[in-house]
Structures are given as structure tokens and as C-alpha cells.
C-alpha atoms as a PDB file:
ATOM      1  CA  UNK A   1       4.586 -37.347 -54.693  1.00  0.00           C
ATOM      2  CA  UNK A   2       5.334 -36.092 -58.290  1.00  0.00           C
ATOM      3  CA  UNK A   3       8.196 -33.635 -58.689  1.00  0.00           C
ATOM      4  CA  UNK A   4       5.872 -31.239 -60.563  1.00  0.00           C
ATOM      5  CA  UNK A   5       3.484 -31.205 -57.549  1.00  0.00           C
ATOM      6  CA  UNK A   6       6.341 -30.401 -55.242  1.00  0.00           C
ATOM      7  CA  UNK A   7       7.447 -27.534 -57.458  1.00  0.00           C
ATOM      8  CA  UNK A   8       3.897 -26.088 -57.600  1.00  0.00           C
ATOM      9  CA  UNK A   9       3.609 -26.298 -53.807  1.00  0.00           C
ATOM     10  CA  UNK A  10       6.854 -24.240 -53.470  1.00  0.00           C
ATOM     11  CA  UNK A  11       5.836 -21.740 -56.035  1.00  0.00           C
ATOM     12  CA  UNK A  12       2.297 -21.234 -54.635  1.00  0.00           C
ATOM     13  CA  UNK A  13       2.293 -22.039 -51.050  1.00  0.00           C
ATOM     14  CA  UNK A  14      -1.001 -20.516 -49.931  1.00  0.00           C
ATOM     15  CA  UNK A  15      -3.517 -22.069 -52.168  1.00  0.00           C
ATOM     16  CA  UNK A  16      -6.727 -22.872 -50.286  1.00  0.00           C
ATOM     17  CA  UNK A  17      -7.680 -26.422 -49.658  1.00  0.00           C
ATOM     18  CA  UNK A  18     -10.522 -28.029 -51.535  1.00  0.00           C
ATOM     19  CA  UNK A  19     -13.305 -30.008 -49.800  1.00  0.00           C
ATOM     20  CA  UNK A  20     -16.171 -32.141 -50.944  1.00  0.00           C
ATOM     21  CA  UNK A  21     -15.151 -32.449 -54.647  1.00  0.00           C
ATOM     22  CA  UNK A  22     -13.537 -35.875 -54.681  1.00  0.00           C
ATOM     23  CA  UNK A  23     -14.803 -39.213 -53.297  1.00  0.00           C
ATOM     24  CA  UNK A  24     -13.532 -42.724 -52.981  1.00  0.00           C
ATOM     25  CA  UNK A  25     -16.140 -45.453 -52.874  1.00  0.00           C
ATOM     26  CA  UNK A  26     -16.012 -48.858 -51.252  1.00  0.00           C
ATOM     27  CA  UNK A  27     -14.813 -50.478 -54.542  1.00  0.00           C
ATOM     28  CA  UNK A  28     -11.775 -48.164 -54.995  1.00  0.00           C
ATOM     29  CA  UNK A  29     -13.321 -45.857 -57.523  1.00  0.00           C
ATOM     30  CA  UNK A  30     -12.783 -42.210 -57.691  1.00  0.00           C
ATOM     31  CA  UNK A  31     -15.855 -39.786 -58.123  1.00  0.00           C
ATOM     32  CA  UNK A  32     -15.764 -36.076 -59.049  1.00  0.00           C
ATOM     33  CA  UNK A  33     -18.532 -34.355 -56.965  1.00  0.00           C
ATOM     34  CA  UNK A  34     -19.651 -31.135 -58.474  1.00  0.00           C
ATOM     35  CA  UNK A  35     -22.090 -28.706 -56.726  1.00  0.00           C
ATOM     36  CA  UNK A  36     -25.022 -30.674 -57.921  1.00  0.00           C
ATOM     37  CA  UNK A  37     -23.748 -33.957 -56.530  1.00  0.00           C
ATOM     38  CA  UNK A  38     -22.801 -32.312 -53.170  1.00  0.00           C
ATOM     39  CA  UNK A  39     -26.246 -30.798 -52.907  1.00  0.00           C
ATOM     40  CA  UNK A  40     -27.744 -34.303 -53.197  1.00  0.00           C
ATOM     41  CA  UNK A  41     -26.206 -35.402 -49.929  1.00  0.00           C
ATOM     42  CA  UNK A  42     -23.085 -36.834 -48.248  1.00  0.00           C
ATOM     43  CA  UNK A  43     -20.842 -39.101 -50.291  1.00  0.00           C
ATOM     44  CA  UNK A  44     -21.614 -42.710 -49.577  1.00  0.00           C
ATOM     45  CA  UNK A  45     -24.981 -41.885 -48.063  1.00  0.00           C
ATOM     46  CA  UNK A  46     -26.723 -43.863 -50.786  1.00  0.00           C
ATOM     47  CA  UNK A  47     -28.867 -40.982 -51.920  1.00  0.00           C
ATOM     48  CA  UNK A  48     -29.323 -40.789 -55.666  1.00  0.00           C
ATOM     49  CA  UNK A  49     -26.731 -38.556 -57.398  1.00  0.00           C
ATOM     50  CA  UNK A  50     -24.643 -37.870 -54.343  1.00  0.00           C
ATOM     51  CA  UNK A  51     -21.696 -39.777 -55.582  1.00  0.00           C
ATOM     52  CA  UNK A  52     -21.008 -37.597 -58.548  1.00  0.00           C
ATOM     53  CA  UNK A  53     -19.280 -38.619 -61.834  1.00  0.00           C
ATOM     54  CA  UNK A  54     -17.128 -41.709 -61.957  1.00  0.00           C
ATOM     55  CA  UNK A  55     -13.634 -40.803 -63.038  1.00  0.00           C
ATOM     56  CA  UNK A  56     -12.444 -43.015 -65.954  1.00  0.00           C
ATOM     57  CA  UNK A  57      -9.412 -41.169 -67.325  1.00  0.00           C
ATOM     58  CA  UNK A  58      -6.556 -43.485 -66.571  1.00  0.00           C
ATOM     59  CA  UNK A  59      -3.861 -40.868 -66.486  1.00  0.00           C
ATOM     60  CA  UNK A  60      -5.866 -38.738 -64.047  1.00  0.00           C
ATOM     61  CA  UNK A  61      -6.563 -41.718 -61.873  1.00  0.00           C
ATOM     62  CA  UNK A  62      -2.796 -42.601 -61.888  1.00  0.00           C
ATOM     63  CA  UNK A  63      -1.952 -38.963 -61.004  1.00  0.00           C
ATOM     64  CA  UNK A  64      -4.363 -39.033 -58.053  1.00  0.00           C
ATOM     65  CA  UNK A  65      -2.875 -42.314 -56.815  1.00  0.00           C
ATOM     66  CA  UNK A  66       0.680 -41.085 -56.876  1.00  0.00           C
ATOM     67  CA  UNK A  67      -0.239 -38.034 -54.902  1.00  0.00           C
ATOM     68  CA  UNK A  68      -2.717 -39.511 -52.425  1.00  0.00           C
ATOM     69  CA  UNK A  69      -1.756 -39.196 -48.763  1.00  0.00           C
ATOM     70  CA  UNK A  70      -3.021 -38.314 -45.325  1.00  0.00           C
ATOM     71  CA  UNK A  71      -2.452 -35.330 -43.038  1.00  0.00           C
ATOM     72  CA  UNK A  72      -1.850 -35.396 -39.287  1.00  0.00           C
ATOM     73  CA  UNK A  73      -5.587 -35.286 -38.526  1.00  0.00           C
ATOM     74  CA  UNK A  74      -6.206 -38.548 -40.553  1.00  0.00           C
ATOM     75  CA  UNK A  75      -7.753 -36.716 -43.428  1.00  0.00           C
ATOM     76  CA  UNK A  76      -6.926 -38.179 -46.718  1.00  0.00           C
ATOM     77  CA  UNK A  77      -6.209 -35.911 -49.768  1.00  0.00           C
ATOM     78  CA  UNK A  78      -4.902 -35.752 -53.217  1.00  0.00           C
ATOM     79  CA  UNK A  79      -2.186 -33.139 -53.680  1.00  0.00           C
ATOM     80  CA  UNK A  80      -3.231 -31.444 -56.970  1.00  0.00           C
ATOM     81  CA  UNK A  81      -0.291 -29.165 -57.549  1.00  0.00           C
ATOM     82  CA  UNK A  82      -0.336 -26.556 -54.838  1.00  0.00           C
ATOM     83  CA  UNK A  83      -3.813 -27.443 -53.677  1.00  0.00           C
ATOM     84  CA  UNK A  84      -4.869 -30.194 -51.332  1.00  0.00           C
ATOM     85  CA  UNK A  85      -8.167 -31.790 -52.509  1.00  0.00           C
ATOM     86  CA  UNK A  86      -9.571 -33.651 -49.538  1.00  0.00           C
ATOM     87  CA  UNK A  87     -11.229 -36.951 -50.242  1.00  0.00           C
ATOM     88  CA  UNK A  88     -14.701 -38.071 -48.976  1.00  0.00           C
ATOM     89  CA  UNK A  89     -14.538 -41.715 -48.080  1.00  0.00           C
ATOM     90  CA  UNK A  90     -17.412 -44.104 -48.383  1.00  0.00           C
ATOM     91  CA  UNK A  91     -15.732 -46.769 -46.241  1.00  0.00           C
ATOM     92  CA  UNK A  92     -11.938 -46.425 -45.637  1.00  0.00           C
ATOM     93  CA  UNK A  93      -8.961 -44.658 -47.132  1.00  0.00           C
ATOM     94  CA  UNK A  94      -7.770 -47.816 -48.835  1.00  0.00           C
ATOM     95  CA  UNK A  95      -9.514 -50.584 -50.749  1.00  0.00           C
ATOM     96  CA  UNK A  96      -7.653 -53.905 -50.695  1.00  0.00           C
ATOM     97  CA  UNK A  97      -7.286 -56.286 -53.611  1.00  0.00           C
ATOM     98  CA  UNK A  98      -6.211 -59.714 -52.448  1.00  0.00           C
ATOM     99  CA  UNK A  99      -3.652 -61.421 -54.634  1.00  0.00           C
ATOM    100  CA  UNK A 100      -3.508 -65.253 -55.341  1.00  0.00           C
ATOM    101  CA  UNK A 101      -0.719 -65.580 -52.725  1.00  0.00           C
ATOM    102  CA  UNK A 102      -2.695 -63.669 -50.117  1.00  0.00           C
ATOM    103  CA  UNK A 103      -0.586 -60.535 -50.369  1.00  0.00           C
ATOM    104  CA  UNK A 104      -2.517 -57.276 -50.855  1.00  0.00           C
ATOM    105  CA  UNK A 105      -2.441 -54.240 -53.028  1.00  0.00           C
ATOM    106  CA  UNK A 106      -4.477 -51.097 -52.464  1.00  0.00           C
ATOM    107  CA  UNK A 107      -6.825 -49.565 -54.921  1.00  0.00           C
ATOM    108  CA  UNK A 108      -3.935 -47.600 -56.567  1.00  0.00           C
ATOM    109  CA  UNK A 109      -1.676 -50.635 -56.836  1.00  0.00           C
ATOM    110  CA  UNK A 110       0.658 -50.239 -53.913  1.00  0.00           C
ATOM    111  CA  UNK A 111       1.673 -53.467 -52.099  1.00  0.00           C
ATOM    112  CA  UNK A 112       1.305 -53.654 -48.372  1.00  0.00           C
ATOM    113  CA  UNK A 113       2.055 -55.987 -45.436  1.00  0.00           C
ATOM    114  CA  UNK A 114      -1.063 -57.112 -43.496  1.00  0.00           C
ATOM    115  CA  UNK A 115      -0.799 -56.416 -39.822  1.00  0.00           C
ATOM    116  CA  UNK A 116      -4.337 -57.270 -38.565  1.00  0.00           C
ATOM    117  CA  UNK A 117      -7.883 -58.201 -39.657  1.00  0.00           C
ATOM    118  CA  UNK A 118     -11.288 -57.001 -38.426  1.00  0.00           C
ATOM    119  CA  UNK A 119     -14.870 -57.997 -39.251  1.00  0.00           C
ATOM    120  CA  UNK A 120     -17.838 -55.665 -38.690  1.00  0.00           C
ATOM    121  CA  UNK A 121     -21.406 -56.431 -37.838  1.00  0.00           C
ATOM    122  CA  UNK A 122     -22.342 -56.152 -41.547  1.00  0.00           C
ATOM    123  CA  UNK A 123     -19.818 -58.812 -42.699  1.00  0.00           C
ATOM    124  CA  UNK A 124     -17.267 -56.305 -44.122  1.00  0.00           C
ATOM    125  CA  UNK A 125     -13.697 -57.515 -43.777  1.00  0.00           C
ATOM    126  CA  UNK A 126     -11.029 -54.831 -43.073  1.00  0.00           C
ATOM    127  CA  UNK A 127      -7.266 -55.200 -43.100  1.00  0.00           C
ATOM    128  CA  UNK A 128      -4.813 -52.967 -41.240  1.00  0.00           C
ATOM    129  CA  UNK A 129      -1.473 -52.763 -43.108  1.00  0.00           C
ATOM    130  CA  UNK A 130       1.789 -50.905 -42.855  1.00  0.00           C
ATOM    131  CA  UNK A 131       0.155 -48.346 -45.063  1.00  0.00           C
ATOM    132  CA  UNK A 132      -3.194 -47.837 -43.425  1.00  0.00           C
ATOM    133  CA  UNK A 133      -6.657 -49.493 -42.967  1.00  0.00           C
ATOM    134  CA  UNK A 134      -8.627 -50.668 -45.859  1.00  0.00           C
ATOM    135  CA  UNK A 135     -11.823 -52.514 -46.856  1.00  0.00           C
ATOM    136  CA  UNK A 136     -11.310 -55.775 -48.710  1.00  0.00           C
ATOM    137  CA  UNK A 137     -12.833 -55.455 -52.174  1.00  0.00           C
ATOM    138  CA  UNK A 138     -16.043 -57.463 -52.591  1.00  0.00           C
ATOM    139  CA  UNK A 139     -14.688 -59.320 -55.598  1.00  0.00           C
ATOM    140  CA  UNK A 140     -11.888 -60.638 -53.362  1.00  0.00           C
ATOM    141  CA  UNK A 141     -13.836 -62.047 -50.409  1.00  0.00           C
ATOM    142  CA  UNK A 142     -13.472 -65.646 -51.477  1.00  0.00           C
ATOM    143  CA  UNK A 143      -9.627 -65.308 -51.519  1.00  0.00           C
ATOM    144  CA  UNK A 144      -9.925 -63.429 -48.171  1.00  0.00           C
ATOM    145  CA  UNK A 145     -12.060 -66.184 -46.665  1.00  0.00           C
ATOM    146  CA  UNK A 146      -9.330 -68.642 -47.837  1.00  0.00           C
ATOM    147  CA  UNK A 147      -6.767 -66.609 -45.908  1.00  0.00           C
ATOM    148  CA  UNK A 148      -8.805 -66.634 -42.805  1.00  0.00           C
ATOM    149  CA  UNK A 149      -9.532 -70.365 -43.008  1.00  0.00           C
ATOM    150  CA  UNK A 150      -5.750 -70.985 -43.422  1.00  0.00           C
ATOM    151  CA  UNK A 151      -5.215 -68.927 -40.203  1.00  0.00           C
ATOM    152  CA  UNK A 152      -3.241 -66.313 -42.129  1.00  0.00           C
ATOM    153  CA  UNK A 153      -5.617 -63.646 -40.996  1.00  0.00           C
ATOM    154  CA  UNK A 154      -7.536 -63.878 -37.721  1.00  0.00           C
ATOM    155  CA  UNK A 155     -10.573 -61.396 -37.789  1.00  0.00           C
ATOM    156  CA  UNK A 156     -11.395 -59.472 -34.609  1.00  0.00           C
ATOM    157  CA  UNK A 157     -14.859 -58.141 -34.163  1.00  0.00           C
ATOM    158  CA  UNK A 158     -15.345 -54.370 -34.553  1.00  0.00           C
ATOM    159  CA  UNK A 159     -18.302 -52.073 -34.791  1.00  0.00           C
ATOM    160  CA  UNK A 160     -18.312 -50.325 -38.062  1.00  0.00           C
ATOM    161  CA  UNK A 161     -19.138 -47.017 -36.274  1.00  0.00           C
ATOM    162  CA  UNK A 162     -15.882 -47.325 -34.369  1.00  0.00           C
ATOM    163  CA  UNK A 163     -13.550 -47.869 -37.401  1.00  0.00           C
ATOM    164  CA  UNK A 164     -12.486 -44.317 -38.200  1.00  0.00           C
ATOM    165  CA  UNK A 165     -11.734 -43.338 -34.519  1.00  0.00           C
ATOM    166  CA  UNK A 166      -9.983 -46.710 -33.908  1.00  0.00           C
ATOM    167  CA  UNK A 167      -7.761 -46.420 -36.899  1.00  0.00           C
ATOM    168  CA  UNK A 168      -7.354 -42.607 -36.990  1.00  0.00           C
ATOM    169  CA  UNK A 169      -8.899 -41.590 -40.314  1.00  0.00           C
ATOM    170  CA  UNK A 170     -11.649 -39.045 -41.123  1.00  0.00           C
ATOM    171  CA  UNK A 171     -14.425 -40.171 -43.529  1.00  0.00           C
ATOM    172  CA  UNK A 172     -15.585 -36.638 -44.408  1.00  0.00           C
ATOM    173  CA  UNK A 173     -12.828 -34.023 -44.069  1.00  0.00           C
ATOM    174  CA  UNK A 174     -15.443 -31.521 -45.259  1.00  0.00           C
ATOM    175  CA  UNK A 175     -17.016 -31.604 -41.819  1.00  0.00           C
ATOM    176  CA  UNK A 176     -13.692 -30.469 -40.352  1.00  0.00           C
ATOM    177  CA  UNK A 177     -12.931 -27.575 -42.706  1.00  0.00           C
ATOM    178  CA  UNK A 178     -14.358 -24.937 -40.327  1.00  0.00           C
ATOM    179  CA  UNK A 179     -12.491 -26.282 -37.239  1.00  0.00           C
END
């Protein structure tokens, strides 16, 4: 976490949390979801306009990445100064990019060690790593298939509906805000 963020948290400890305004899609892209996008439907529902606006500002994307974490409930958030901005997830909290040597990096560039591999009924490949669970990016499925064929990763079957509960993450923290 950035030092400036830690300082802001100490200076303003009681800033309310923010829900519904930031989304992470299944390709590792961040989306800003204004009132209009939120009114169109849940993030990742596939409804027109529900994703919001794709973030393209590199410094903002890097700032979000450096300050991206999970709380004890499994809700992922971006610590924006003193405010936690909870993230709506289309798939998983991390999106894996498979490197040529079969190591992986998440969508914000952090390296991780693969601990397990799962395949759902839709053919999506998920990797559990020392930093959390993530979906393998669609552009990296050929390399992931090579890792499976070489026996580096042995996929276990999993129902996509069971992913969040099995791996302890919350796809839509907005639904928990009143609890």
C-alpha cells in the first residue's frame, strides 16, 4: 500500500466505504461504474451498459493495483486514500497471465506461485496461487493447455457457482453492504 494512502487513512479514519463504483472484468480490465451503469444491472451480467467506462489512464490503473487487497470477508477493494472502494468482480479477484516458462502474473503484474488448478463446466480454467484465486486470461489458454499437458497443472472439476464460496471471495460486495 502506498505511504500516502496510509497517511490519509490515519488522518481521516472514518470515511464511509464505497460500493458498486469499480469493477474488474474477466480480462483484468478496470471499469468505473457511475449511477447510470449501476442502474443498468449487476456488473458482469452481460446487460448493455452495466460495465461502465473502461479505465485507460495508466497511472490510475497502477495506483489501483498497488492498493488492491481483500478484507476478512473476502471482499476485494481498492484503498483510495482513506476510503475503501469495493470491487465488483465479473469472475475472480485475480486474472492470470501465463508466462512462457509457465509462471504466472496477475492482472496488476504481481508474480505468484501456482498451488492448484480447476476447470469449470464452461471450460474456464482457474488457478489458485499463494496470492489468491484467479481466472486464466483467454489469450493465455494455449500456454495453460501446454502446462496441463506437461503435467505441471492438473485440473480438478469445479462448478462455477461454487467458486466464490470454495475459495472465500465475494463477487459483489455491494450485496453485503447492509449486513
